[in-house]
């Protein structure tokens, strides 16, 4: 088995690569995407997906899971291709269910009193007709826990491609951070966060990293 030098990595424990999907053009509409179907990667997003695939080509990834949304699957596919793996869709990794806010203009949302709750006390907020932030966190963490139980052999490396808020909520849970502080974490498009997980704890190895990954390198032969 190939072994990689990653600062802080417990090599005998599973490693999750939490990958945020690449860029898309829906943001140019000025509306909240949520789970709207048909949101595809733009040219920059496809470049990001290919850069991720190239940077992770020599990393012994055992499985690749993705949110069912197109922008996530299209980011996962190049990674899966270089590893000759199939992308496994996982509904638990879906983007936030923003309910009636889906497709609404950001300008109008930011003028709502409810937006202040989202920014400062998300643990107390539920999207109208959608899910609450605690429910979203529970959903995503449950999905990752299922994945870890499937791939719990020492040094298993699993890629999970999904969305910014779900990724940050997952990190907050595993590190024991207050949910109300989850937006303080960074998660750019085309980024990778490394999370070491075991039965009694977890460790954040790298946060919001973009290719090339200098920390993922094979040890030099002596």
C-alpha atoms as a PDB file:
ATOM      1  CA  UNK A   1       0.000   0.000   0.000  1.00  0.00           C
ATOM      2  CA  UNK A   2       1.200   3.478  -0.822  1.00  0.00           C
ATOM      3  CA  UNK A   3       1.905   5.642   2.191  1.00  0.00           C
ATOM      4  CA  UNK A   4       1.711   9.406   2.161  1.00  0.00           C
ATOM      5  CA  UNK A   5       3.264  12.063   4.293  1.00  0.00           C
ATOM      6  CA  UNK A   6       0.494  14.225   5.716  1.00  0.00           C
ATOM      7  CA  UNK A   7       1.357  16.367   8.718  1.00  0.00           C
ATOM      8  CA  UNK A   8      -0.755  15.358  11.716  1.00  0.00           C
ATOM      9  CA  UNK A   9      -2.265  12.297  10.038  1.00  0.00           C
ATOM     10  CA  UNK A  10      -2.905   9.214  12.150  1.00  0.00           C
ATOM     11  CA  UNK A  11      -1.959   6.699   9.447  1.00  0.00           C
ATOM     12  CA  UNK A  12      -3.797   3.802  11.094  1.00  0.00           C
ATOM     13  CA  UNK A  13      -7.185   5.543  10.905  1.00  0.00           C
ATOM     14  CA  UNK A  14      -9.604   6.361   8.053  1.00  0.00           C
ATOM     15  CA  UNK A  15      -9.120   9.671   6.272  1.00  0.00           C
ATOM     16  CA  UNK A  16     -12.022  11.590   4.751  1.00  0.00           C
ATOM     17  CA  UNK A  17     -11.354  13.992   1.889  1.00  0.00           C
ATOM     18  CA  UNK A  18     -14.241  16.471   2.058  1.00  0.00           C
ATOM     19  CA  UNK A  19     -14.328  18.033  -1.399  1.00  0.00           C
ATOM     20  CA  UNK A  20     -16.450  21.025  -2.324  1.00  0.00           C
ATOM     21  CA  UNK A  21     -17.753  20.991  -5.888  1.00  0.00           C
ATOM     22  CA  UNK A  22     -16.368  23.354  -8.518  1.00  0.00           C
ATOM     23  CA  UNK A  23     -17.717  26.708  -9.660  1.00  0.00           C
ATOM     24  CA  UNK A  24     -21.018  27.119 -11.490  1.00  0.00           C
ATOM     25  CA  UNK A  25     -22.788  30.033 -13.151  1.00  0.00           C
ATOM     26  CA  UNK A  26     -26.009  29.943 -11.132  1.00  0.00           C
ATOM     27  CA  UNK A  27     -24.484  32.420  -8.703  1.00  0.00           C
ATOM     28  CA  UNK A  28     -24.610  34.995 -11.522  1.00  0.00           C
ATOM     29  CA  UNK A  29     -28.412  34.867 -11.395  1.00  0.00           C
ATOM     30  CA  UNK A  30     -28.286  36.452  -7.944  1.00  0.00           C
ATOM     31  CA  UNK A  31     -30.579  33.740  -6.585  1.00  0.00           C
ATOM     32  CA  UNK A  32     -30.232  31.009  -3.952  1.00  0.00           C
ATOM     33  CA  UNK A  33     -29.672  27.696  -5.699  1.00  0.00           C
ATOM     34  CA  UNK A  34     -30.405  25.220  -2.936  1.00  0.00           C
ATOM     35  CA  UNK A  35     -31.279  21.909  -4.569  1.00  0.00           C
ATOM     36  CA  UNK A  36     -32.443  23.287  -7.930  1.00  0.00           C
ATOM     37  CA  UNK A  37     -31.661  20.654 -10.582  1.00  0.00           C
ATOM     38  CA  UNK A  38     -29.645  21.418 -13.689  1.00  0.00           C
ATOM     39  CA  UNK A  39     -26.925  23.537 -12.064  1.00  0.00           C
ATOM     40  CA  UNK A  40     -23.771  22.401 -13.881  1.00  0.00           C
ATOM     41  CA  UNK A  41     -20.113  23.303 -13.557  1.00  0.00           C
ATOM     42  CA  UNK A  42     -18.958  26.203 -15.680  1.00  0.00           C
ATOM     43  CA  UNK A  43     -15.626  26.240 -17.519  1.00  0.00           C
ATOM     44  CA  UNK A  44     -13.748  27.278 -14.377  1.00  0.00           C
ATOM     45  CA  UNK A  45     -15.537  24.585 -12.386  1.00  0.00           C
ATOM     46  CA  UNK A  46     -14.525  21.911 -14.893  1.00  0.00           C
ATOM     47  CA  UNK A  47     -10.941  23.131 -14.669  1.00  0.00           C
ATOM     48  CA  UNK A  48     -11.126  22.849 -10.879  1.00  0.00           C
ATOM     49  CA  UNK A  49     -12.471  19.299 -11.125  1.00  0.00           C
ATOM     50  CA  UNK A  50      -9.653  18.266 -13.451  1.00  0.00           C
ATOM     51  CA  UNK A  51      -7.082  19.943 -11.173  1.00  0.00           C
ATOM     52  CA  UNK A  52      -8.431  17.964  -8.231  1.00  0.00           C
ATOM     53  CA  UNK A  53      -8.253  14.723 -10.220  1.00  0.00           C
ATOM     54  CA  UNK A  54      -4.656  15.414 -11.218  1.00  0.00           C
ATOM     55  CA  UNK A  55      -3.592  16.393  -7.691  1.00  0.00           C
ATOM     56  CA  UNK A  56      -5.211  13.289  -6.182  1.00  0.00           C
ATOM     57  CA  UNK A  57      -4.201  10.848  -8.926  1.00  0.00           C
ATOM     58  CA  UNK A  58      -1.513   9.097  -6.860  1.00  0.00           C
ATOM     59  CA  UNK A  59      -3.427   9.121  -3.578  1.00  0.00           C
ATOM     60  CA  UNK A  60      -4.818   5.626  -2.835  1.00  0.00           C
ATOM     61  CA  UNK A  61      -8.490   6.613  -2.668  1.00  0.00           C
ATOM     62  CA  UNK A  62     -10.653   3.610  -1.887  1.00  0.00           C
ATOM     63  CA  UNK A  63     -14.105   5.025  -2.724  1.00  0.00           C
ATOM     64  CA  UNK A  64     -15.775   8.210  -3.954  1.00  0.00           C
ATOM     65  CA  UNK A  65     -19.146   9.428  -2.711  1.00  0.00           C
ATOM     66  CA  UNK A  66     -21.059  12.433  -4.029  1.00  0.00           C
ATOM     67  CA  UNK A  67     -24.125  14.526  -3.425  1.00  0.00           C
ATOM     68  CA  UNK A  68     -26.714  13.645  -6.104  1.00  0.00           C
ATOM     69  CA  UNK A  69     -26.671  17.210  -7.479  1.00  0.00           C
ATOM     70  CA  UNK A  70     -25.052  17.671 -10.904  1.00  0.00           C
ATOM     71  CA  UNK A  71     -22.348  20.117  -9.808  1.00  0.00           C
ATOM     72  CA  UNK A  72     -21.079  17.640  -7.223  1.00  0.00           C
ATOM     73  CA  UNK A  73     -21.214  14.592  -9.492  1.00  0.00           C
ATOM     74  CA  UNK A  74     -19.410  16.486 -12.267  1.00  0.00           C
ATOM     75  CA  UNK A  75     -16.640  17.319  -9.774  1.00  0.00           C
ATOM     76  CA  UNK A  76     -16.411  13.734  -8.543  1.00  0.00           C
ATOM     77  CA  UNK A  77     -16.312  12.091 -12.001  1.00  0.00           C
ATOM     78  CA  UNK A  78     -12.765  13.138 -13.030  1.00  0.00           C
ATOM     79  CA  UNK A  79     -11.419  11.937  -9.660  1.00  0.00           C
ATOM     80  CA  UNK A  80     -13.264   8.642 -10.062  1.00  0.00           C
ATOM     81  CA  UNK A  81     -11.999   8.246 -13.618  1.00  0.00           C
ATOM     82  CA  UNK A  82      -8.304   8.420 -12.722  1.00  0.00           C
ATOM     83  CA  UNK A  83      -8.846   5.899  -9.917  1.00  0.00           C
ATOM     84  CA  UNK A  84     -11.085   3.618 -11.998  1.00  0.00           C
ATOM     85  CA  UNK A  85     -13.811   3.909  -9.414  1.00  0.00           C
ATOM     86  CA  UNK A  86     -17.536   4.546  -9.687  1.00  0.00           C
ATOM     87  CA  UNK A  87     -19.114   7.617  -8.124  1.00  0.00           C
ATOM     88  CA  UNK A  88     -21.545   6.507  -5.443  1.00  0.00           C
ATOM     89  CA  UNK A  89     -24.319   9.033  -4.833  1.00  0.00           C
ATOM     90  CA  UNK A  90     -25.292   9.635  -1.216  1.00  0.00           C
ATOM     91  CA  UNK A  91     -28.484  11.602  -0.504  1.00  0.00           C
ATOM     92  CA  UNK A  92     -27.213  12.501   2.954  1.00  0.00           C
ATOM     93  CA  UNK A  93     -24.594  14.735   1.309  1.00  0.00           C
ATOM     94  CA  UNK A  94     -27.163  16.918  -0.454  1.00  0.00           C
ATOM     95  CA  UNK A  95     -27.074  20.703  -0.296  1.00  0.00           C
ATOM     96  CA  UNK A  96     -29.238  22.493   2.270  1.00  0.00           C
ATOM     97  CA  UNK A  97     -32.991  22.080   1.892  1.00  0.00           C
ATOM     98  CA  UNK A  98     -33.775  25.806   1.841  1.00  0.00           C
ATOM     99  CA  UNK A  99     -37.463  25.252   1.181  1.00  0.00           C
ATOM    100  CA  UNK A 100     -39.332  28.339  -0.068  1.00  0.00           C
ATOM    101  CA  UNK A 101     -36.071  30.292  -0.300  1.00  0.00           C
ATOM    102  CA  UNK A 102     -34.902  28.147  -3.204  1.00  0.00           C
ATOM    103  CA  UNK A 103     -34.634  30.281  -6.338  1.00  0.00           C
ATOM    104  CA  UNK A 104     -35.344  33.529  -4.459  1.00  0.00           C
ATOM    105  CA  UNK A 105     -33.140  36.591  -5.080  1.00  0.00           C
ATOM    106  CA  UNK A 106     -30.352  37.068  -2.553  1.00  0.00           C
ATOM    107  CA  UNK A 107     -31.169  40.789  -2.402  1.00  0.00           C
ATOM    108  CA  UNK A 108     -34.620  40.119  -0.944  1.00  0.00           C
ATOM    109  CA  UNK A 109     -33.344  37.381   1.391  1.00  0.00           C
ATOM    110  CA  UNK A 110     -30.689  39.640   2.900  1.00  0.00           C
ATOM    111  CA  UNK A 111     -33.353  42.243   3.719  1.00  0.00           C
ATOM    112  CA  UNK A 112     -35.358  39.768   5.820  1.00  0.00           C
ATOM    113  CA  UNK A 113     -35.129  39.815   9.612  1.00  0.00           C
ATOM    114  CA  UNK A 114     -34.662  36.051   9.428  1.00  0.00           C
ATOM    115  CA  UNK A 115     -31.332  36.552   7.643  1.00  0.00           C
ATOM    116  CA  UNK A 116     -29.822  37.941  10.851  1.00  0.00           C
ATOM    117  CA  UNK A 117     -30.747  34.691  12.585  1.00  0.00           C
ATOM    118  CA  UNK A 118     -29.049  32.705   9.814  1.00  0.00           C
ATOM    119  CA  UNK A 119     -25.872  34.744  10.272  1.00  0.00           C
ATOM    120  CA  UNK A 120     -25.737  34.931  14.056  1.00  0.00           C
ATOM    121  CA  UNK A 121     -27.850  32.093  15.491  1.00  0.00           C
ATOM    122  CA  UNK A 122     -28.216  29.431  12.777  1.00  0.00           C
ATOM    123  CA  UNK A 123     -28.869  26.760  15.418  1.00  0.00           C
ATOM    124  CA  UNK A 124     -32.272  28.414  15.969  1.00  0.00           C
ATOM    125  CA  UNK A 125     -33.236  28.766  12.315  1.00  0.00           C
ATOM    126  CA  UNK A 126     -35.349  26.641   9.997  1.00  0.00           C
ATOM    127  CA  UNK A 127     -35.671  27.454   6.304  1.00  0.00           C
ATOM    128  CA  UNK A 128     -39.381  28.089   5.564  1.00  0.00           C
ATOM    129  CA  UNK A 129     -40.680  24.794   4.227  1.00  0.00           C
ATOM    130  CA  UNK A 130     -37.196  23.278   4.546  1.00  0.00           C
ATOM    131  CA  UNK A 131     -34.817  21.921   7.146  1.00  0.00           C
ATOM    132  CA  UNK A 132     -33.144  23.477  10.174  1.00  0.00           C
ATOM    133  CA  UNK A 133     -29.384  23.792  10.495  1.00  0.00           C
ATOM    134  CA  UNK A 134     -29.281  21.181  13.312  1.00  0.00           C
ATOM    135  CA  UNK A 135     -31.245  18.788  11.086  1.00  0.00           C
ATOM    136  CA  UNK A 136     -28.850  19.443   8.215  1.00  0.00           C
ATOM    137  CA  UNK A 137     -25.864  18.776  10.447  1.00  0.00           C
ATOM    138  CA  UNK A 138     -27.383  15.528  11.737  1.00  0.00           C
ATOM    139  CA  UNK A 139     -28.170  14.398   8.186  1.00  0.00           C
ATOM    140  CA  UNK A 140     -24.661  15.042   6.866  1.00  0.00           C
ATOM    141  CA  UNK A 141     -22.864  13.612   9.893  1.00  0.00           C
ATOM    142  CA  UNK A 142     -25.028  10.474   9.764  1.00  0.00           C
ATOM    143  CA  UNK A 143     -24.064   9.991   6.107  1.00  0.00           C
ATOM    144  CA  UNK A 144     -20.359  10.380   6.859  1.00  0.00           C
ATOM    145  CA  UNK A 145     -20.620   8.015   9.827  1.00  0.00           C
ATOM    146  CA  UNK A 146     -22.204   5.390   7.553  1.00  0.00           C
ATOM    147  CA  UNK A 147     -19.369   5.846   5.084  1.00  0.00           C
ATOM    148  CA  UNK A 148     -16.745   5.530   7.831  1.00  0.00           C
ATOM    149  CA  UNK A 149     -18.379   2.307   9.047  1.00  0.00           C
ATOM    150  CA  UNK A 150     -18.120   0.852   5.552  1.00  0.00           C
ATOM    151  CA  UNK A 151     -14.506   1.949   5.086  1.00  0.00           C
ATOM    152  CA  UNK A 152     -12.987   1.700   8.538  1.00  0.00           C
ATOM    153  CA  UNK A 153      -9.832  -0.200   7.741  1.00  0.00           C
ATOM    154  CA  UNK A 154      -6.544   1.470   8.722  1.00  0.00           C
ATOM    155  CA  UNK A 155      -5.401   3.976   6.091  1.00  0.00           C
ATOM    156  CA  UNK A 156      -8.666   3.896   4.128  1.00  0.00           C
ATOM    157  CA  UNK A 157      -8.935   7.165   2.186  1.00  0.00           C
ATOM    158  CA  UNK A 158     -12.430   8.161   1.095  1.00  0.00           C
ATOM    159  CA  UNK A 159     -13.406  11.153  -1.058  1.00  0.00           C
ATOM    160  CA  UNK A 160     -16.784  12.795  -0.405  1.00  0.00           C
ATOM    161  CA  UNK A 161     -17.841  15.523  -2.848  1.00  0.00           C
ATOM    162  CA  UNK A 162     -20.591  17.855  -1.722  1.00  0.00           C
ATOM    163  CA  UNK A 163     -21.378  21.426  -0.622  1.00  0.00           C
ATOM    164  CA  UNK A 164     -19.982  24.269   1.499  1.00  0.00           C
ATOM    165  CA  UNK A 165     -22.442  24.549   4.407  1.00  0.00           C
ATOM    166  CA  UNK A 166     -22.809  20.762   4.846  1.00  0.00           C
ATOM    167  CA  UNK A 167     -19.007  20.397   4.832  1.00  0.00           C
ATOM    168  CA  UNK A 168     -18.561  23.139   7.428  1.00  0.00           C
ATOM    169  CA  UNK A 169     -21.344  21.715   9.604  1.00  0.00           C
ATOM    170  CA  UNK A 170     -19.681  18.287   9.477  1.00  0.00           C
ATOM    171  CA  UNK A 171     -16.328  19.736  10.514  1.00  0.00           C
ATOM    172  CA  UNK A 172     -17.983  21.623  13.371  1.00  0.00           C
ATOM    173  CA  UNK A 173     -19.581  18.422  14.642  1.00  0.00           C
ATOM    174  CA  UNK A 174     -16.460  16.276  14.540  1.00  0.00           C
ATOM    175  CA  UNK A 175     -14.364  18.973  16.220  1.00  0.00           C
ATOM    176  CA  UNK A 176     -16.980  19.783  18.852  1.00  0.00           C
ATOM    177  CA  UNK A 177     -17.421  23.395  17.702  1.00  0.00           C
ATOM    178  CA  UNK A 178     -20.671  25.259  18.439  1.00  0.00           C
ATOM    179  CA  UNK A 179     -23.012  25.081  15.462  1.00  0.00           C
ATOM    180  CA  UNK A 180     -23.498  28.853  15.658  1.00  0.00           C
ATOM    181  CA  UNK A 181     -19.820  29.300  14.733  1.00  0.00           C
ATOM    182  CA  UNK A 182     -19.750  27.010  11.691  1.00  0.00           C
ATOM    183  CA  UNK A 183     -19.711  29.911   9.209  1.00  0.00           C
ATOM    184  CA  UNK A 184     -16.316  30.970  10.570  1.00  0.00           C
ATOM    185  CA  UNK A 185     -14.803  28.057   8.646  1.00  0.00           C
ATOM    186  CA  UNK A 186     -13.677  28.441   5.038  1.00  0.00           C
ATOM    187  CA  UNK A 187     -14.748  26.198   2.164  1.00  0.00           C
ATOM    188  CA  UNK A 188     -13.954  27.429  -1.352  1.00  0.00           C
ATOM    189  CA  UNK A 189     -15.106  25.819  -4.588  1.00  0.00           C
ATOM    190  CA  UNK A 190     -12.733  23.078  -5.711  1.00  0.00           C
ATOM    191  CA  UNK A 191     -11.208  22.767  -2.242  1.00  0.00           C
ATOM    192  CA  UNK A 192     -10.348  19.743  -0.100  1.00  0.00           C
ATOM    193  CA  UNK A 193     -10.545  19.418   3.675  1.00  0.00           C
ATOM    194  CA  UNK A 194      -8.840  16.433   5.339  1.00  0.00           C
ATOM    195  CA  UNK A 195     -10.564  14.913   8.340  1.00  0.00           C
ATOM    196  CA  UNK A 196      -9.105  11.974  10.256  1.00  0.00           C
ATOM    197  CA  UNK A 197     -11.921  10.017  11.953  1.00  0.00           C
ATOM    198  CA  UNK A 198     -11.876   7.189  14.472  1.00  0.00           C
ATOM    199  CA  UNK A 199     -14.269   5.643  16.990  1.00  0.00           C
ATOM    200  CA  UNK A 200     -13.405   7.959  19.877  1.00  0.00           C
ATOM    201  CA  UNK A 201     -12.625  11.206  18.100  1.00  0.00           C
ATOM    202  CA  UNK A 202     -11.515  13.091  15.020  1.00  0.00           C
ATOM    203  CA  UNK A 203      -8.798  15.500  13.903  1.00  0.00           C
ATOM    204  CA  UNK A 204      -8.841  18.246  11.294  1.00  0.00           C
ATOM    205  CA  UNK A 205      -5.643  17.741   9.293  1.00  0.00           C
ATOM    206  CA  UNK A 206      -6.089  20.376   6.583  1.00  0.00           C
ATOM    207  CA  UNK A 207      -8.835  22.926   5.917  1.00  0.00           C
ATOM    208  CA  UNK A 208      -9.933  24.474   2.612  1.00  0.00           C
ATOM    209  CA  UNK A 209      -6.911  23.406   0.559  1.00  0.00           C
ATOM    210  CA  UNK A 210      -6.726  23.831  -3.225  1.00  0.00           C
ATOM    211  CA  UNK A 211      -4.400  22.086  -5.712  1.00  0.00           C
ATOM    212  CA  UNK A 212      -1.535  21.517  -5.924  1.00  0.00           C
ATOM    213  CA  UNK A 213      -1.340  19.693  -2.590  1.00  0.00           C
ATOM    214  CA  UNK A 214       2.243  19.808  -1.388  1.00  0.00           C
ATOM    215  CA  UNK A 215       1.281  17.993   1.813  1.00  0.00           C
ATOM    216  CA  UNK A 216       0.173  14.905  -0.167  1.00  0.00           C
ATOM    217  CA  UNK A 217       3.463  13.478  -1.327  1.00  0.00           C
ATOM    218  CA  UNK A 218       5.056  10.081  -1.306  1.00  0.00           C
ATOM    219  CA  UNK A 219       7.981   9.710   1.081  1.00  0.00           C
ATOM    220  CA  UNK A 220      11.309   9.867  -0.717  1.00  0.00           C
ATOM    221  CA  UNK A 221      13.207   6.604  -0.954  1.00  0.00           C
ATOM    222  CA  UNK A 222      16.396   6.514   1.084  1.00  0.00           C
END
